[in-house]
Amino acid sequence: MRGRVLRTRQSIAYAIGTVAAAAFAAVLYTVLSGESVVTALTDLVTRALSTTF
């Protein structure tokens, strides 16, 4: 019985970790796909490529 309880707790912990990772990915996607971030990255790359040495 103790082994079954331990496996159940491990499964619950795994499920919580998976949900937390998915939520973090959703927030990260929302932030990184925002217009201000895309504009800032585009400007950064444009400036880096147009710099003369």
PDB file of N, CA and C in Angstrom:
ATOM      1  N   MET A   1       0.815  -1.188   0.000  1.00  0.00           N
ATOM      2  CA  MET A   1       0.000   0.000   0.000  1.00  0.00           C
ATOM      3  C   MET A   1       0.870   1.267   0.000  1.00  0.00           C
ATOM      4  N   ARG A   2       1.959   1.254   0.764  1.00  0.00           N
ATOM      5  CA  ARG A   2       2.837   2.415   0.841  1.00  0.00           C
ATOM      6  C   ARG A   2       3.442   2.738  -0.523  1.00  0.00           C
ATOM      7  N   GLY A   3       3.802   1.724  -1.280  1.00  0.00           N
ATOM      8  CA  GLY A   3       4.357   1.935  -2.612  1.00  0.00           C
ATOM      9  C   GLY A   3       3.349   2.575  -3.548  1.00  0.00           C
ATOM     10  N   ARG A   4       2.107   2.182  -3.409  1.00  0.00           N
ATOM     11  CA  ARG A   4       1.052   2.746  -4.249  1.00  0.00           C
ATOM     12  C   ARG A   4       0.848   4.229  -3.928  1.00  0.00           C
ATOM     13  N   VAL A   5       0.881   4.576  -2.653  1.00  0.00           N
ATOM     14  CA  VAL A   5       0.735   5.977  -2.250  1.00  0.00           C
ATOM     15  C   VAL A   5       1.894   6.798  -2.786  1.00  0.00           C
ATOM     16  N   LEU A   6       3.101   6.250  -2.713  1.00  0.00           N
ATOM     17  CA  LEU A   6       4.270   6.949  -3.208  1.00  0.00           C
ATOM     18  C   LEU A   6       4.173   7.180  -4.715  1.00  0.00           C
ATOM     19  N   ARG A   7       3.742   6.169  -5.454  1.00  0.00           N
ATOM     20  CA  ARG A   7       3.578   6.320  -6.908  1.00  0.00           C
ATOM     21  C   ARG A   7       2.511   7.355  -7.233  1.00  0.00           C
ATOM     22  N   THR A   8       1.448   7.375  -6.444  1.00  0.00           N
ATOM     23  CA  THR A   8       0.385   8.359  -6.658  1.00  0.00           C
ATOM     24  C   THR A   8       0.903   9.770  -6.422  1.00  0.00           C
ATOM     25  N   ARG A   9       1.680   9.951  -5.364  1.00  0.00           N
ATOM     26  CA  ARG A   9       2.252  11.274  -5.081  1.00  0.00           C
ATOM     27  C   ARG A   9       3.211  11.691  -6.179  1.00  0.00           C
ATOM     28  N   GLN A  10       3.997  10.758  -6.671  1.00  0.00           N
ATOM     29  CA  GLN A  10       4.923  11.076  -7.751  1.00  0.00           C
ATOM     30  C   GLN A  10       4.164  11.464  -9.015  1.00  0.00           C
ATOM     31  N   SER A  11       3.075  10.774  -9.292  1.00  0.00           N
ATOM     32  CA  SER A  11       2.263  11.094 -10.469  1.00  0.00           C
ATOM     33  C   SER A  11       1.637  12.479 -10.342  1.00  0.00           C
ATOM     34  N   ILE A  12       1.165  12.810  -9.154  1.00  0.00           N
ATOM     35  CA  ILE A  12       0.580  14.128  -8.922  1.00  0.00           C
ATOM     36  C   ILE A  12       1.649  15.214  -9.084  1.00  0.00           C
ATOM     37  N   ALA A  13       2.819  14.979  -8.537  1.00  0.00           N
ATOM     38  CA  ALA A  13       3.907  15.945  -8.659  1.00  0.00           C
ATOM     39  C   ALA A  13       4.298  16.127 -10.125  1.00  0.00           C
ATOM     40  N   TYR A  14       4.349  15.053 -10.885  1.00  0.00           N
ATOM     41  CA  TYR A  14       4.663  15.121 -12.311  1.00  0.00           C
ATOM     42  C   TYR A  14       3.597  15.922 -13.055  1.00  0.00           C
ATOM     43  N   ALA A  15       2.330  15.682 -12.728  1.00  0.00           N
ATOM     44  CA  ALA A  15       1.230  16.399 -13.382  1.00  0.00           C
ATOM     45  C   ALA A  15       1.285  17.895 -13.069  1.00  0.00           C
ATOM     46  N   ILE A  16       1.557  18.246 -11.823  1.00  0.00           N
ATOM     47  CA  ILE A  16       1.658  19.654 -11.444  1.00  0.00           C
ATOM     48  C   ILE A  16       2.833  20.312 -12.169  1.00  0.00           C
ATOM     49  N   GLY A  17       3.942  19.625 -12.240  1.00  0.00           N
ATOM     50  CA  GLY A  17       5.105  20.155 -12.953  1.00  0.00           C
ATOM     51  C   GLY A  17       4.819  20.362 -14.430  1.00  0.00           C
ATOM     52  N   THR A  18       4.094  19.436 -15.036  1.00  0.00           N
ATOM     53  CA  THR A  18       3.747  19.549 -16.450  1.00  0.00           C
ATOM     54  C   THR A  18       2.825  20.737 -16.689  1.00  0.00           C
ATOM     55  N   VAL A  19       1.835  20.902 -15.836  1.00  0.00           N
ATOM     56  CA  VAL A  19       0.916  22.039 -15.962  1.00  0.00           C
ATOM     57  C   VAL A  19       1.663  23.361 -15.763  1.00  0.00           C
ATOM     58  N   ALA A  20       2.559  23.404 -14.793  1.00  0.00           N
ATOM     59  CA  ALA A  20       3.335  24.619 -14.551  1.00  0.00           C
ATOM     60  C   ALA A  20       4.226  24.947 -15.747  1.00  0.00           C
ATOM     61  N   ALA A  21       4.846  23.941 -16.343  1.00  0.00           N
ATOM     62  CA  ALA A  21       5.697  24.163 -17.512  1.00  0.00           C
ATOM     63  C   ALA A  21       4.874  24.668 -18.698  1.00  0.00           C
ATOM     64  N   ALA A  22       3.693  24.114 -18.889  1.00  0.00           N
ATOM     65  CA  ALA A  22       2.824  24.560 -19.978  1.00  0.00           C
ATOM     66  C   ALA A  22       2.362  25.999 -19.757  1.00  0.00           C
ATOM     67  N   ALA A  23       2.044  26.346 -18.518  1.00  0.00           N
ATOM     68  CA  ALA A  23       1.635  27.719 -18.208  1.00  0.00           C
ATOM     69  C   ALA A  23       2.787  28.693 -18.437  1.00  0.00           C
ATOM     70  N   PHE A  24       3.978  28.312 -18.040  1.00  0.00           N
ATOM     71  CA  PHE A  24       5.154  29.157 -18.262  1.00  0.00           C
ATOM     72  C   PHE A  24       5.401  29.343 -19.752  1.00  0.00           C
ATOM     73  N   ALA A  25       5.266  28.278 -20.523  1.00  0.00           N
ATOM     74  CA  ALA A  25       5.452  28.370 -21.973  1.00  0.00           C
ATOM     75  C   ALA A  25       4.421  29.304 -22.595  1.00  0.00           C
ATOM     76  N   ALA A  26       3.197  29.247 -22.130  1.00  0.00           N
ATOM     77  CA  ALA A  26       2.149  30.128 -22.664  1.00  0.00           C
ATOM     78  C   ALA A  26       2.459  31.591 -22.360  1.00  0.00           C
ATOM     79  N   VAL A  27       2.890  31.875 -21.143  1.00  0.00           N
ATOM     80  CA  VAL A  27       3.242  33.247 -20.778  1.00  0.00           C
ATOM     81  C   VAL A  27       4.445  33.719 -21.588  1.00  0.00           C
ATOM     82  N   LEU A  28       5.439  32.886 -21.719  1.00  0.00           N
ATOM     83  CA  LEU A  28       6.635  33.237 -22.481  1.00  0.00           C
ATOM     84  C   LEU A  28       6.291  33.513 -23.942  1.00  0.00           C
ATOM     85  N   TYR A  29       5.450  32.683 -24.530  1.00  0.00           N
ATOM     86  CA  TYR A  29       5.023  32.882 -25.916  1.00  0.00           C
ATOM     87  C   TYR A  29       4.287  34.213 -26.061  1.00  0.00           C
ATOM     88  N   THR A  30       3.410  34.514 -25.122  1.00  0.00           N
ATOM     89  CA  THR A  30       2.650  35.760 -25.178  1.00  0.00           C
ATOM     90  C   THR A  30       3.576  36.968 -25.102  1.00  0.00           C
ATOM     91  N   VAL A  31       4.542  36.911 -24.212  1.00  0.00           N
ATOM     92  CA  VAL A  31       5.473  38.026 -24.057  1.00  0.00           C
ATOM     93  C   VAL A  31       6.346  38.181 -25.301  1.00  0.00           C
ATOM     94  N   LEU A  32       6.902  37.079 -25.780  1.00  0.00           N
ATOM     95  CA  LEU A  32       7.838  37.151 -26.901  1.00  0.00           C
ATOM     96  C   LEU A  32       7.166  37.420 -28.233  1.00  0.00           C
ATOM     97  N   SER A  33       5.898  37.120 -28.355  1.00  0.00           N
ATOM     98  CA  SER A  33       5.220  37.383 -29.620  1.00  0.00           C
ATOM     99  C   SER A  33       4.527  38.740 -29.616  1.00  0.00           C
ATOM    100  N   GLY A  34       4.674  39.483 -28.538  1.00  0.00           N
ATOM    101  CA  GLY A  34       4.101  40.826 -28.461  1.00  0.00           C
ATOM    102  C   GLY A  34       4.780  41.757 -29.454  1.00  0.00           C
ATOM    103  N   GLU A  35       4.044  42.735 -29.928  1.00  0.00           N
ATOM    104  CA  GLU A  35       4.543  43.653 -30.955  1.00  0.00           C
ATOM    105  C   GLU A  35       5.790  44.405 -30.509  1.00  0.00           C
ATOM    106  N   SER A  36       5.852  44.831 -29.262  1.00  0.00           N
ATOM    107  CA  SER A  36       7.010  45.607 -28.805  1.00  0.00           C
ATOM    108  C   SER A  36       8.288  44.773 -28.803  1.00  0.00           C
ATOM    109  N   VAL A  37       8.185  43.517 -28.446  1.00  0.00           N
ATOM    110  CA  VAL A  37       9.366  42.650 -28.428  1.00  0.00           C
ATOM    111  C   VAL A  37       9.826  42.359 -29.856  1.00  0.00           C
ATOM    112  N   VAL A  38       8.877  42.076 -30.736  1.00  0.00           N
ATOM    113  CA  VAL A  38       9.219  41.806 -32.139  1.00  0.00           C
ATOM    114  C   VAL A  38       9.873  43.035 -32.755  1.00  0.00           C
ATOM    115  N   THR A  39       9.331  44.202 -32.491  1.00  0.00           N
ATOM    116  CA  THR A  39       9.904  45.444 -33.021  1.00  0.00           C
ATOM    117  C   THR A  39      11.304  45.679 -32.474  1.00  0.00           C
ATOM    118  N   ALA A  40      11.491  45.480 -31.186  1.00  0.00           N
ATOM    119  CA  ALA A  40      12.806  45.684 -30.575  1.00  0.00           C
ATOM    120  C   ALA A  40      13.842  44.718 -31.156  1.00  0.00           C
ATOM    121  N   LEU A  41      13.464  43.461 -31.319  1.00  0.00           N
ATOM    122  CA  LEU A  41      14.412  42.484 -31.888  1.00  0.00           C
ATOM    123  C   LEU A  41      14.720  42.794 -33.342  1.00  0.00           C
ATOM    124  N   THR A  42      13.708  43.210 -34.094  1.00  0.00           N
ATOM    125  CA  THR A  42      13.919  43.561 -35.497  1.00  0.00           C
ATOM    126  C   THR A  42      14.866  44.753 -35.609  1.00  0.00           C
ATOM    127  N   ASP A  43      14.656  45.774 -34.786  1.00  0.00           N
ATOM    128  CA  ASP A  43      15.542  46.944 -34.792  1.00  0.00           C
ATOM    129  C   ASP A  43      16.966  46.559 -34.402  1.00  0.00           C
ATOM    130  N   LEU A  44      17.104  45.695 -33.429  1.00  0.00           N
ATOM    131  CA  LEU A  44      18.428  45.250 -32.987  1.00  0.00           C
ATOM    132  C   LEU A  44      19.167  44.534 -34.111  1.00  0.00           C
ATOM    133  N   VAL A  45      18.480  43.611 -34.775  1.00  0.00           N
ATOM    134  CA  VAL A  45      19.113  42.871 -35.878  1.00  0.00           C
ATOM    135  C   VAL A  45      19.444  43.813 -37.033  1.00  0.00           C
ATOM    136  N   THR A  46      18.536  44.722 -37.344  1.00  0.00           N
ATOM    137  CA  THR A  46      18.787  45.677 -38.430  1.00  0.00           C
ATOM    138  C   THR A  46      20.009  46.541 -38.150  1.00  0.00           C
ATOM    139  N   ARG A  47      20.106  47.044 -36.913  1.00  0.00           N
ATOM    140  CA  ARG A  47      21.279  47.852 -36.548  1.00  0.00           C
ATOM    141  C   ARG A  47      22.556  47.035 -36.585  1.00  0.00           C
ATOM    142  N   ALA A  48      22.480  45.787 -36.141  1.00  0.00           N
ATOM    143  CA  ALA A  48      23.675  44.926 -36.126  1.00  0.00           C
ATOM    144  C   ALA A  48      24.138  44.632 -37.557  1.00  0.00           C
ATOM    145  N   LEU A  49      23.216  44.438 -38.461  1.00  0.00           N
ATOM    146  CA  LEU A  49      23.590  44.115 -39.835  1.00  0.00           C
ATOM    147  C   LEU A  49      24.016  45.333 -40.634  1.00  0.00           C
ATOM    148  N   SER A  50      23.621  46.530 -40.218  1.00  0.00           N
ATOM    149  CA  SER A  50      23.964  47.727 -40.962  1.00  0.00           C
ATOM    150  C   SER A  50      25.193  48.435 -40.399  1.00  0.00           C
ATOM    151  N   THR A  51      25.799  47.890 -39.380  1.00  0.00           N
ATOM    152  CA  THR A  51      26.993  48.501 -38.789  1.00  0.00           C
ATOM    153  C   THR A  51      28.191  48.263 -39.681  1.00  0.00           C
ATOM    154  N   THR A  52      28.958  49.324 -39.903  1.00  0.00           N
ATOM    155  CA  THR A  52      30.183  49.179 -40.694  1.00  0.00           C
ATOM    156  C   THR A  52      31.382  49.081 -39.756  1.00  0.00           C
ATOM    157  N   PHE A  53      32.349  48.331 -40.178  1.00  0.00           N
ATOM    158  CA  PHE A  53      33.538  48.117 -39.373  1.00  0.00           C
ATOM    159  C   PHE A  53      34.712  48.865 -39.917  1.00  0.00           C
TER     160      PHE A  53
END
